[in-house]
Amino acid sequence: ILRNPHLTLAKPLTDRDTPPRTGPDLICFSHLRWDFVLQRPQHLMQRFAQSSRVFYVEEVIPTDHHLPYLEFHAFEGTSVTAVRPRVPHRAEPALRETLLAGLLDQMTILLGVRDPLLWFYTPMMWPAAAHLPASAIVYDCMDELSAFRFAAPDLVRNEAALMEAADVVFTGGHALYEAKRGLHDNVHAFP
């Protein structure tokens, strides 16, 4: 056997290595990649991961493969699992949503996720996730995404549908709170 002093093998995880989970599973849908920049979603999801399994679902990445699939990524220093949906790049938007919905179903079945807390940073994921049974739905509106350059044309429609379904809406600041408070009866400024 060759020995390399610079090579270390990761030890396999055991039940003793993971903290006990007492809270509900949480699926977070975000427009930000987990490893892009440390912001509000990462701060909150890392806290929730202390008591719950947290799956951080990022926006779809086009692939040349003919079938959709999920990539699961673990990052050092957190027990949050980043989930990157990969959908064939030729899929039209309606088919993309259908494929993503199917991937979410597969994920919840394979991982034994039941009635999770759904936490949204992007309304663009709502059409694919709306069918999931949930213990609660949170819309954490960090920014007015519809005002961003290159915003998707159906962002406003998706946000209205998400706000109608949400149990609670948080806003990233007071100006955003003022803009959203008339659209839902349970909106809270959470800067």
N, C-alpha and C. Protein backbone atom coordinates (compact mmCIF):
# COMPACT_ATOMS: atom_id res chain seq x y z
N ILE A 1 0.85 -1.17 0.00
CA ILE A 1 0.00 0.00 0.00
C ILE A 1 0.89 1.23 0.00
N LEU A 2 0.59 2.13 -0.92
CA LEU A 2 1.32 3.39 -0.97
C LEU A 2 0.80 4.32 0.11
N ARG A 3 1.70 5.01 0.75
CA ARG A 3 1.29 5.96 1.79
C ARG A 3 1.70 7.36 1.37
N ASN A 4 0.77 8.25 1.44
CA ASN A 4 1.02 9.64 1.10
C ASN A 4 0.70 10.48 2.33
N PRO A 5 1.69 11.15 2.92
CA PRO A 5 1.43 11.91 4.15
C PRO A 5 0.53 13.12 3.90
N HIS A 6 0.38 13.55 2.65
CA HIS A 6 -0.46 14.72 2.35
C HIS A 6 -1.90 14.33 2.05
N LEU A 7 -2.19 13.06 1.94
CA LEU A 7 -3.52 12.59 1.61
C LEU A 7 -4.23 12.14 2.88
N THR A 8 -5.38 12.70 3.13
CA THR A 8 -6.19 12.25 4.26
C THR A 8 -7.54 11.82 3.73
N LEU A 9 -8.06 10.76 4.28
CA LEU A 9 -9.36 10.27 3.89
C LEU A 9 -10.40 10.77 4.87
N ALA A 10 -11.54 11.18 4.33
CA ALA A 10 -12.62 11.60 5.20
C ALA A 10 -13.18 10.39 5.91
N LYS A 11 -13.44 10.54 7.19
CA LYS A 11 -14.03 9.42 7.90
C LYS A 11 -15.52 9.37 7.59
N PRO A 12 -16.09 8.19 7.55
CA PRO A 12 -17.53 8.09 7.27
C PRO A 12 -18.34 8.68 8.41
N LEU A 13 -19.45 9.33 8.07
CA LEU A 13 -20.31 9.90 9.10
C LEU A 13 -21.04 8.79 9.84
N THR A 14 -21.21 9.00 11.11
CA THR A 14 -22.02 8.08 11.91
C THR A 14 -23.11 8.90 12.59
N ASP A 15 -24.06 8.24 13.20
CA ASP A 15 -25.12 8.95 13.91
C ASP A 15 -24.56 9.83 15.02
N ARG A 16 -23.43 9.45 15.58
CA ARG A 16 -22.82 10.25 16.65
C ARG A 16 -22.26 11.56 16.12
N ASP A 17 -21.98 11.64 14.81
CA ASP A 17 -21.38 12.84 14.24
C ASP A 17 -22.41 13.92 13.91
N THR A 18 -23.69 13.57 13.86
CA THR A 18 -24.70 14.54 13.49
C THR A 18 -25.52 14.90 14.73
N PRO A 19 -25.81 16.20 14.89
CA PRO A 19 -26.58 16.60 16.07
C PRO A 19 -28.01 16.06 15.98
N PRO A 20 -28.66 15.85 17.12
CA PRO A 20 -30.04 15.38 17.08
C PRO A 20 -30.94 16.43 16.44
N ARG A 21 -31.87 15.99 15.64
CA ARG A 21 -32.79 16.88 14.95
C ARG A 21 -34.15 16.82 15.63
N THR A 22 -34.57 17.92 16.20
CA THR A 22 -35.85 17.95 16.90
C THR A 22 -36.89 18.77 16.15
N GLY A 23 -36.44 19.61 15.22
CA GLY A 23 -37.36 20.46 14.48
C GLY A 23 -37.79 19.81 13.18
N PRO A 24 -38.73 20.45 12.50
CA PRO A 24 -39.21 19.91 11.22
C PRO A 24 -38.14 20.07 10.14
N ASP A 25 -38.20 19.21 9.13
CA ASP A 25 -37.33 19.41 7.98
C ASP A 25 -37.68 20.75 7.35
N LEU A 26 -36.68 21.40 6.79
CA LEU A 26 -36.88 22.70 6.17
C LEU A 26 -36.31 22.65 4.76
N ILE A 27 -37.10 23.08 3.80
CA ILE A 27 -36.62 23.21 2.43
C ILE A 27 -36.64 24.69 2.08
N CYS A 28 -35.47 25.21 1.80
CA CYS A 28 -35.32 26.62 1.46
C CYS A 28 -35.10 26.75 -0.05
N PHE A 29 -35.82 27.67 -0.68
CA PHE A 29 -35.69 27.91 -2.11
C PHE A 29 -35.08 29.29 -2.29
N SER A 30 -33.89 29.34 -2.90
CA SER A 30 -33.18 30.61 -2.99
C SER A 30 -32.66 30.89 -4.39
N HIS A 31 -32.57 32.17 -4.71
CA HIS A 31 -31.99 32.61 -5.97
C HIS A 31 -30.48 32.76 -5.84
N LEU A 32 -29.95 32.60 -4.64
CA LEU A 32 -28.51 32.73 -4.41
C LEU A 32 -27.89 31.34 -4.24
N ARG A 33 -26.73 31.13 -4.81
CA ARG A 33 -26.00 29.89 -4.60
C ARG A 33 -25.49 29.87 -3.16
N TRP A 34 -25.51 28.71 -2.54
CA TRP A 34 -25.08 28.61 -1.14
C TRP A 34 -23.66 29.13 -0.96
N ASP A 35 -22.78 28.79 -1.87
CA ASP A 35 -21.36 29.13 -1.71
C ASP A 35 -20.95 30.40 -2.47
N PHE A 36 -21.93 31.23 -2.87
CA PHE A 36 -21.60 32.46 -3.60
C PHE A 36 -21.14 33.55 -2.66
N VAL A 37 -21.97 33.95 -1.74
CA VAL A 37 -21.62 34.99 -0.78
C VAL A 37 -22.46 34.76 0.48
N LEU A 38 -21.87 35.03 1.63
CA LEU A 38 -22.56 34.81 2.89
C LEU A 38 -23.55 35.95 3.13
N GLN A 39 -24.84 35.62 3.10
CA GLN A 39 -25.89 36.62 3.29
C GLN A 39 -26.96 36.07 4.22
N ARG A 40 -28.07 36.76 4.27
CA ARG A 40 -29.19 36.41 5.12
C ARG A 40 -29.60 34.93 5.01
N PRO A 41 -29.78 34.37 3.81
CA PRO A 41 -30.19 32.96 3.76
C PRO A 41 -29.21 32.02 4.46
N GLN A 42 -27.93 32.23 4.25
CA GLN A 42 -26.93 31.35 4.87
C GLN A 42 -26.94 31.51 6.40
N HIS A 43 -27.06 32.75 6.88
CA HIS A 43 -27.09 32.97 8.33
C HIS A 43 -28.27 32.24 8.96
N LEU A 44 -29.46 32.43 8.40
CA LEU A 44 -30.65 31.82 8.99
C LEU A 44 -30.66 30.30 8.83
N MET A 45 -30.33 29.82 7.65
CA MET A 45 -30.39 28.37 7.42
C MET A 45 -29.38 27.62 8.29
N GLN A 46 -28.20 28.22 8.51
CA GLN A 46 -27.22 27.56 9.40
C GLN A 46 -27.77 27.48 10.83
N ARG A 47 -28.49 28.50 11.25
CA ARG A 47 -29.10 28.44 12.59
C ARG A 47 -30.16 27.36 12.65
N PHE A 48 -31.03 27.30 11.63
CA PHE A 48 -32.07 26.29 11.62
C PHE A 48 -31.49 24.88 11.57
N ALA A 49 -30.34 24.74 10.93
CA ALA A 49 -29.71 23.42 10.78
C ALA A 49 -29.22 22.86 12.11
N GLN A 50 -29.19 23.68 13.15
CA GLN A 50 -28.80 23.18 14.46
C GLN A 50 -29.86 22.24 15.05
N SER A 51 -31.12 22.40 14.58
CA SER A 51 -32.18 21.55 15.12
C SER A 51 -33.00 20.85 14.04
N SER A 52 -32.77 21.17 12.78
CA SER A 52 -33.56 20.60 11.69
C SER A 52 -32.67 20.20 10.53
N ARG A 53 -33.16 19.27 9.72
CA ARG A 53 -32.48 19.01 8.45
C ARG A 53 -32.87 20.15 7.52
N VAL A 54 -31.86 20.76 6.89
CA VAL A 54 -32.12 21.89 5.99
C VAL A 54 -31.59 21.54 4.60
N PHE A 55 -32.48 21.66 3.61
CA PHE A 55 -32.14 21.45 2.21
C PHE A 55 -32.30 22.79 1.51
N TYR A 56 -31.21 23.30 1.00
CA TYR A 56 -31.15 24.63 0.39
C TYR A 56 -31.19 24.44 -1.13
N VAL A 57 -32.38 24.59 -1.72
CA VAL A 57 -32.58 24.34 -3.14
C VAL A 57 -32.28 25.62 -3.92
N GLU A 58 -31.29 25.52 -4.77
CA GLU A 58 -30.88 26.67 -5.60
C GLU A 58 -31.66 26.66 -6.91
N GLU A 59 -31.51 27.74 -7.68
CA GLU A 59 -32.18 27.82 -8.97
C GLU A 59 -31.63 26.76 -9.93
N VAL A 60 -32.44 26.43 -10.90
CA VAL A 60 -32.10 25.41 -11.89
C VAL A 60 -30.84 25.77 -12.66
N ILE A 61 -30.02 24.75 -12.91
CA ILE A 61 -28.84 24.88 -13.76
C ILE A 61 -29.10 24.05 -15.01
N PRO A 62 -29.02 24.65 -16.19
CA PRO A 62 -29.22 23.87 -17.42
C PRO A 62 -28.11 22.82 -17.59
N THR A 63 -28.48 21.69 -18.18
CA THR A 63 -27.51 20.63 -18.42
C THR A 63 -27.69 20.10 -19.84
N ASP A 64 -26.64 19.52 -20.39
CA ASP A 64 -26.70 18.88 -21.70
C ASP A 64 -27.25 17.46 -21.60
N HIS A 65 -27.35 16.95 -20.38
CA HIS A 65 -27.88 15.60 -20.21
C HIS A 65 -29.36 15.59 -20.60
N HIS A 66 -29.84 14.49 -21.11
CA HIS A 66 -31.23 14.42 -21.58
C HIS A 66 -32.25 14.22 -20.46
N LEU A 67 -31.79 13.89 -19.25
CA LEU A 67 -32.69 13.69 -18.11
C LEU A 67 -32.39 14.72 -17.02
N PRO A 68 -33.41 15.15 -16.27
CA PRO A 68 -33.15 16.03 -15.14
C PRO A 68 -32.58 15.24 -13.97
N TYR A 69 -31.81 15.90 -13.12
CA TYR A 69 -31.28 15.24 -11.93
C TYR A 69 -30.93 16.28 -10.89
N LEU A 70 -30.67 15.83 -9.68
CA LEU A 70 -30.29 16.71 -8.58
C LEU A 70 -28.84 16.46 -8.19
N GLU A 71 -28.15 17.52 -7.85
CA GLU A 71 -26.81 17.43 -7.25
C GLU A 71 -26.96 17.84 -5.79
N PHE A 72 -26.38 17.05 -4.91
CA PHE A 72 -26.38 17.37 -3.48
C PHE A 72 -24.96 17.76 -3.10
N HIS A 73 -24.83 18.91 -2.44
CA HIS A 73 -23.51 19.40 -2.06
C HIS A 73 -23.46 19.66 -0.56
N ALA A 74 -22.44 19.11 0.06
CA ALA A 74 -22.16 19.37 1.47
C ALA A 74 -20.97 20.30 1.54
N PHE A 75 -21.04 21.28 2.41
CA PHE A 75 -19.94 22.22 2.55
C PHE A 75 -19.42 22.18 3.97
N GLU A 76 -18.11 22.27 4.09
CA GLU A 76 -17.46 22.21 5.40
C GLU A 76 -17.98 23.33 6.30
N GLY A 77 -18.22 23.00 7.53
CA GLY A 77 -18.64 23.99 8.50
C GLY A 77 -20.15 24.15 8.64
N THR A 78 -20.92 23.38 7.89
CA THR A 78 -22.37 23.47 8.00
C THR A 78 -22.99 22.11 7.71
N SER A 79 -24.15 21.88 8.30
CA SER A 79 -24.88 20.64 7.98
C SER A 79 -26.00 20.91 6.99
N VAL A 80 -26.08 22.13 6.47
CA VAL A 80 -27.05 22.45 5.42
C VAL A 80 -26.61 21.71 4.15
N THR A 81 -27.57 21.11 3.46
CA THR A 81 -27.30 20.45 2.19
C THR A 81 -27.77 21.34 1.06
N ALA A 82 -26.85 21.76 0.20
CA ALA A 82 -27.23 22.53 -0.98
C ALA A 82 -27.68 21.56 -2.06
N VAL A 83 -28.81 21.87 -2.67
CA VAL A 83 -29.39 21.02 -3.71
C VAL A 83 -29.43 21.84 -5.00
N ARG A 84 -28.78 21.31 -6.04
CA ARG A 84 -28.72 22.01 -7.33
C ARG A 84 -29.47 21.21 -8.38
N PRO A 85 -30.68 21.66 -8.74
CA PRO A 85 -31.44 20.96 -9.78
C PRO A 85 -30.81 21.19 -11.15
N ARG A 86 -30.66 20.12 -11.89
CA ARG A 86 -30.13 20.19 -13.25
C ARG A 86 -31.22 19.73 -14.20
N VAL A 87 -31.59 20.60 -15.14
CA VAL A 87 -32.67 20.32 -16.09
C VAL A 87 -32.13 20.52 -17.50
N PRO A 88 -32.53 19.65 -18.43
CA PRO A 88 -32.05 19.81 -19.81
C PRO A 88 -32.27 21.23 -20.34
N HIS A 89 -31.24 21.79 -20.93
CA HIS A 89 -31.30 23.19 -21.37
C HIS A 89 -32.34 23.43 -22.46
N ARG A 90 -32.76 22.40 -23.15
CA ARG A 90 -33.74 22.57 -24.22
C ARG A 90 -35.17 22.60 -23.70
N ALA A 91 -35.36 22.36 -22.43
CA ALA A 91 -36.71 22.33 -21.86
C ALA A 91 -37.31 23.73 -21.85
N GLU A 92 -38.51 23.85 -22.39
CA GLU A 92 -39.25 25.12 -22.36
C GLU A 92 -39.62 25.43 -20.90
N PRO A 93 -39.93 26.70 -20.59
CA PRO A 93 -40.22 27.08 -19.19
C PRO A 93 -41.29 26.22 -18.52
N ALA A 94 -42.39 25.92 -19.19
CA ALA A 94 -43.45 25.10 -18.56
C ALA A 94 -42.94 23.70 -18.26
N LEU A 95 -42.20 23.11 -19.18
CA LEU A 95 -41.64 21.78 -18.96
C LEU A 95 -40.60 21.83 -17.85
N ARG A 96 -39.81 22.90 -17.81
CA ARG A 96 -38.80 23.06 -16.76
C ARG A 96 -39.46 23.01 -15.38
N GLU A 97 -40.60 23.71 -15.21
CA GLU A 97 -41.31 23.69 -13.93
C GLU A 97 -41.81 22.29 -13.60
N THR A 98 -42.34 21.59 -14.60
CA THR A 98 -42.82 20.23 -14.38
C THR A 98 -41.68 19.30 -13.98
N LEU A 99 -40.55 19.42 -14.67
CA LEU A 99 -39.40 18.58 -14.34
C LEU A 99 -38.88 18.89 -12.94
N LEU A 100 -38.84 20.17 -12.59
CA LEU A 100 -38.37 20.57 -11.26
C LEU A 100 -39.32 20.04 -10.19
N ALA A 101 -40.62 20.11 -10.44
CA ALA A 101 -41.59 19.58 -9.48
C ALA A 101 -41.36 18.08 -9.27
N GLY A 102 -41.09 17.36 -10.35
CA GLY A 102 -40.80 15.93 -10.24
C GLY A 102 -39.52 15.66 -9.44
N LEU A 103 -38.50 16.50 -9.64
CA LEU A 103 -37.26 16.34 -8.88
C LEU A 103 -37.50 16.59 -7.39
N LEU A 104 -38.33 17.59 -7.08
CA LEU A 104 -38.64 17.87 -5.67
C LEU A 104 -39.39 16.69 -5.04
N ASP A 105 -40.29 16.09 -5.80
CA ASP A 105 -40.99 14.89 -5.30
C ASP A 105 -39.99 13.77 -5.03
N GLN A 106 -39.08 13.54 -5.97
CA GLN A 106 -38.07 12.50 -5.78
C GLN A 106 -37.24 12.76 -4.54
N MET A 107 -36.82 14.02 -4.36
CA MET A 107 -35.99 14.38 -3.22
C MET A 107 -36.72 14.09 -1.91
N THR A 108 -37.97 14.52 -1.81
CA THR A 108 -38.69 14.32 -0.55
C THR A 108 -38.92 12.84 -0.27
N ILE A 109 -39.18 12.06 -1.29
CA ILE A 109 -39.38 10.62 -1.10
C ILE A 109 -38.07 9.94 -0.69
N LEU A 110 -37.01 10.21 -1.44
CA LEU A 110 -35.72 9.55 -1.16
C LEU A 110 -35.16 9.92 0.21
N LEU A 111 -35.39 11.16 0.65
CA LEU A 111 -34.83 11.61 1.92
C LEU A 111 -35.80 11.49 3.07
N GLY A 112 -37.01 11.01 2.80
CA GLY A 112 -37.99 10.84 3.87
C GLY A 112 -38.47 12.15 4.45
N VAL A 113 -38.59 13.17 3.62
CA VAL A 113 -39.05 14.49 4.07
C VAL A 113 -40.58 14.48 4.05
N ARG A 114 -41.18 14.79 5.21
CA ARG A 114 -42.64 14.82 5.31
C ARG A 114 -43.07 16.16 5.91
N ASP A 115 -44.01 16.80 5.27
CA ASP A 115 -44.58 18.08 5.75
C ASP A 115 -43.50 19.07 6.19
N PRO A 116 -42.57 19.38 5.31
CA PRO A 116 -41.50 20.29 5.69
C PRO A 116 -41.99 21.73 5.82
N LEU A 117 -41.20 22.53 6.48
CA LEU A 117 -41.38 23.97 6.46
C LEU A 117 -40.77 24.43 5.14
N LEU A 118 -41.54 25.12 4.31
CA LEU A 118 -41.03 25.65 3.04
C LEU A 118 -40.69 27.12 3.23
N TRP A 119 -39.46 27.49 2.91
CA TRP A 119 -38.96 28.85 3.12
C TRP A 119 -38.49 29.37 1.77
N PHE A 120 -39.08 30.45 1.30
CA PHE A 120 -38.80 30.98 -0.04
C PHE A 120 -38.07 32.32 0.02
N TYR A 121 -36.97 32.40 -0.73
CA TYR A 121 -36.30 33.67 -1.02
C TYR A 121 -36.60 34.10 -2.45
N THR A 122 -37.06 33.17 -3.27
CA THR A 122 -37.40 33.49 -4.65
C THR A 122 -38.80 32.97 -4.97
N PRO A 123 -39.67 33.84 -5.46
CA PRO A 123 -41.00 33.40 -5.89
C PRO A 123 -40.95 32.55 -7.17
N MET A 124 -39.84 32.56 -7.87
CA MET A 124 -39.73 31.81 -9.12
C MET A 124 -39.79 30.30 -8.89
N MET A 125 -39.55 29.85 -7.67
CA MET A 125 -39.61 28.42 -7.37
C MET A 125 -41.01 27.99 -6.93
N TRP A 126 -41.90 28.96 -6.67
CA TRP A 126 -43.22 28.62 -6.18
C TRP A 126 -44.00 27.68 -7.11
N PRO A 127 -44.07 27.93 -8.43
CA PRO A 127 -44.85 27.04 -9.29
C PRO A 127 -44.43 25.56 -9.21
N ALA A 128 -43.16 25.30 -9.03
CA ALA A 128 -42.67 23.92 -8.95
C ALA A 128 -42.85 23.31 -7.56
N ALA A 129 -42.96 24.15 -6.53
CA ALA A 129 -43.02 23.65 -5.16
C ALA A 129 -44.41 23.76 -4.53
N ALA A 130 -45.35 24.42 -5.21
CA ALA A 130 -46.66 24.69 -4.62
C ALA A 130 -47.41 23.43 -4.23
N HIS A 131 -47.14 22.32 -4.91
CA HIS A 131 -47.86 21.08 -4.64
C HIS A 131 -47.34 20.32 -3.43
N LEU A 132 -46.18 20.70 -2.91
CA LEU A 132 -45.59 19.96 -1.79
C LEU A 132 -46.41 20.17 -0.52
N PRO A 133 -46.74 19.09 0.19
CA PRO A 133 -47.41 19.27 1.48
C PRO A 133 -46.43 19.94 2.44
N ALA A 134 -46.90 20.96 3.16
CA ALA A 134 -46.00 21.73 4.02
C ALA A 134 -46.64 21.98 5.37
N SER A 135 -45.80 22.01 6.40
CA SER A 135 -46.29 22.37 7.73
C SER A 135 -46.51 23.88 7.82
N ALA A 136 -45.74 24.64 7.05
CA ALA A 136 -45.90 26.10 6.98
C ALA A 136 -45.13 26.60 5.76
N ILE A 137 -45.53 27.78 5.29
CA ILE A 137 -44.87 28.41 4.14
C ILE A 137 -44.45 29.80 4.55
N VAL A 138 -43.16 30.09 4.37
CA VAL A 138 -42.58 31.39 4.72
C VAL A 138 -42.04 32.02 3.45
N TYR A 139 -42.40 33.29 3.24
CA TYR A 139 -41.79 34.06 2.16
C TYR A 139 -40.93 35.13 2.81
N ASP A 140 -39.63 35.01 2.66
CA ASP A 140 -38.66 35.96 3.21
C ASP A 140 -38.19 36.85 2.07
N CYS A 141 -38.83 37.98 1.93
CA CYS A 141 -38.59 38.90 0.81
C CYS A 141 -37.42 39.82 1.16
N MET A 142 -36.23 39.46 0.72
CA MET A 142 -35.03 40.25 1.02
C MET A 142 -34.96 41.51 0.18
N ASP A 143 -35.40 41.41 -1.08
CA ASP A 143 -35.28 42.50 -2.04
C ASP A 143 -36.53 42.53 -2.91
N GLU A 144 -36.73 43.65 -3.58
CA GLU A 144 -37.79 43.74 -4.58
C GLU A 144 -37.21 43.18 -5.88
N LEU A 145 -37.27 41.87 -6.03
CA LEU A 145 -36.62 41.19 -7.15
C LEU A 145 -37.17 41.62 -8.50
N SER A 146 -38.45 42.03 -8.54
CA SER A 146 -39.04 42.45 -9.82
C SER A 146 -38.41 43.74 -10.33
N ALA A 147 -37.74 44.48 -9.48
CA ALA A 147 -37.08 45.73 -9.89
C ALA A 147 -35.68 45.49 -10.43
N PHE A 148 -35.18 44.27 -10.29
CA PHE A 148 -33.84 43.96 -10.77
C PHE A 148 -33.81 43.92 -12.29
N ARG A 149 -32.69 44.31 -12.85
CA ARG A 149 -32.49 44.20 -14.28
C ARG A 149 -32.55 42.72 -14.67
N PHE A 150 -33.18 42.40 -15.77
CA PHE A 150 -33.35 41.05 -16.28
C PHE A 150 -34.28 40.19 -15.39
N ALA A 151 -35.16 40.84 -14.64
CA ALA A 151 -36.13 40.09 -13.84
C ALA A 151 -37.05 39.29 -14.77
N ALA A 152 -37.39 38.09 -14.36
CA ALA A 152 -38.27 37.24 -15.16
C ALA A 152 -39.65 37.89 -15.30
N PRO A 153 -40.25 37.78 -16.47
CA PRO A 153 -41.54 38.42 -16.69
C PRO A 153 -42.66 37.90 -15.77
N ASP A 154 -42.58 36.65 -15.34
CA ASP A 154 -43.64 36.10 -14.49
C ASP A 154 -43.32 36.19 -13.00
N LEU A 155 -42.31 36.96 -12.63
CA LEU A 155 -41.93 37.11 -11.23
C LEU A 155 -43.07 37.72 -10.41
N VAL A 156 -43.71 38.76 -10.92
CA VAL A 156 -44.78 39.43 -10.17
C VAL A 156 -45.95 38.47 -9.95
N ARG A 157 -46.32 37.72 -10.97
CA ARG A 157 -47.42 36.74 -10.85
C ARG A 157 -47.05 35.65 -9.83
N ASN A 158 -45.83 35.15 -9.90
CA ASN A 158 -45.40 34.11 -8.96
C ASN A 158 -45.36 34.63 -7.53
N GLU A 159 -44.92 35.88 -7.36
CA GLU A 159 -44.87 36.45 -6.02
C GLU A 159 -46.27 36.61 -5.45
N ALA A 160 -47.23 37.04 -6.27
CA ALA A 160 -48.60 37.19 -5.79
C ALA A 160 -49.17 35.83 -5.35
N ALA A 161 -48.90 34.78 -6.11
CA ALA A 161 -49.37 33.44 -5.74
C ALA A 161 -48.69 32.95 -4.46
N LEU A 162 -47.39 33.19 -4.34
CA LEU A 162 -46.66 32.78 -3.14
C LEU A 162 -47.19 33.54 -1.91
N MET A 163 -47.41 34.83 -2.05
CA MET A 163 -47.91 35.61 -0.91
C MET A 163 -49.30 35.15 -0.49
N GLU A 164 -50.10 34.73 -1.44
CA GLU A 164 -51.43 34.23 -1.10
C GLU A 164 -51.34 32.92 -0.31
N ALA A 165 -50.37 32.10 -0.62
CA ALA A 165 -50.21 30.80 0.05
C ALA A 165 -49.42 30.89 1.35
N ALA A 166 -48.61 31.92 1.50
CA ALA A 166 -47.69 32.02 2.64
C ALA A 166 -48.44 32.18 3.96
N ASP A 167 -47.88 31.56 5.00
CA ASP A 167 -48.40 31.75 6.35
C ASP A 167 -47.86 33.02 6.97
N VAL A 168 -46.64 33.38 6.60
CA VAL A 168 -46.00 34.58 7.10
C VAL A 168 -45.07 35.13 6.03
N VAL A 169 -44.93 36.47 6.01
CA VAL A 169 -44.02 37.14 5.08
C VAL A 169 -43.09 38.02 5.90
N PHE A 170 -41.79 37.87 5.67
CA PHE A 170 -40.79 38.74 6.28
C PHE A 170 -40.22 39.62 5.19
N THR A 171 -39.83 40.84 5.55
CA THR A 171 -39.19 41.73 4.59
C THR A 171 -37.81 42.10 5.09
N GLY A 172 -36.91 42.33 4.15
CA GLY A 172 -35.52 42.63 4.48
C GLY A 172 -35.29 44.05 4.98
N GLY A 173 -36.30 44.87 5.00
CA GLY A 173 -36.16 46.24 5.47
C GLY A 173 -37.53 46.90 5.62
N HIS A 174 -37.52 48.12 6.17
CA HIS A 174 -38.77 48.82 6.45
C HIS A 174 -39.45 49.32 5.18
N ALA A 175 -38.70 49.78 4.19
CA ALA A 175 -39.31 50.23 2.94
C ALA A 175 -40.01 49.07 2.24
N LEU A 176 -39.40 47.92 2.25
CA LEU A 176 -40.01 46.73 1.65
C LEU A 176 -41.25 46.31 2.46
N TYR A 177 -41.19 46.47 3.75
CA TYR A 177 -42.35 46.19 4.61
C TYR A 177 -43.52 47.08 4.21
N GLU A 178 -43.24 48.36 4.02
CA GLU A 178 -44.31 49.29 3.63
C GLU A 178 -44.90 48.91 2.28
N ALA A 179 -44.08 48.41 1.37
CA ALA A 179 -44.56 48.02 0.05
C ALA A 179 -45.37 46.73 0.09
N LYS A 180 -45.11 45.84 1.05
CA LYS A 180 -45.75 44.52 1.08
C LYS A 180 -46.87 44.40 2.11
N ARG A 181 -46.93 45.27 3.10
CA ARG A 181 -47.85 45.04 4.22
C ARG A 181 -49.32 45.06 3.83
N GLY A 182 -49.67 45.73 2.75
CA GLY A 182 -51.06 45.72 2.30
C GLY A 182 -51.42 44.50 1.48
N LEU A 183 -50.43 43.65 1.18
CA LEU A 183 -50.64 42.48 0.33
C LEU A 183 -50.83 41.18 1.11
N HIS A 184 -50.63 41.25 2.43
CA HIS A 184 -50.73 40.04 3.26
C HIS A 184 -51.06 40.50 4.68
N ASP A 185 -51.79 39.68 5.41
CA ASP A 185 -52.18 40.10 6.76
C ASP A 185 -51.19 39.68 7.86
N ASN A 186 -50.06 39.07 7.46
CA ASN A 186 -49.06 38.65 8.44
C ASN A 186 -47.66 38.95 7.91
N VAL A 187 -47.38 40.25 7.72
CA VAL A 187 -46.09 40.71 7.20
C VAL A 187 -45.31 41.35 8.33
N HIS A 188 -44.00 41.06 8.40
CA HIS A 188 -43.16 41.59 9.47
C HIS A 188 -41.84 42.09 8.90
N ALA A 189 -41.46 43.29 9.31
CA ALA A 189 -40.14 43.82 8.95
C ALA A 189 -39.09 43.02 9.73
N PHE A 190 -38.10 42.53 9.02
CA PHE A 190 -37.08 41.68 9.64
C PHE A 190 -35.74 42.04 9.01
N PRO A 191 -35.28 43.29 9.31
CA PRO A 191 -34.02 43.74 8.68
C PRO A 191 -32.81 43.01 9.23
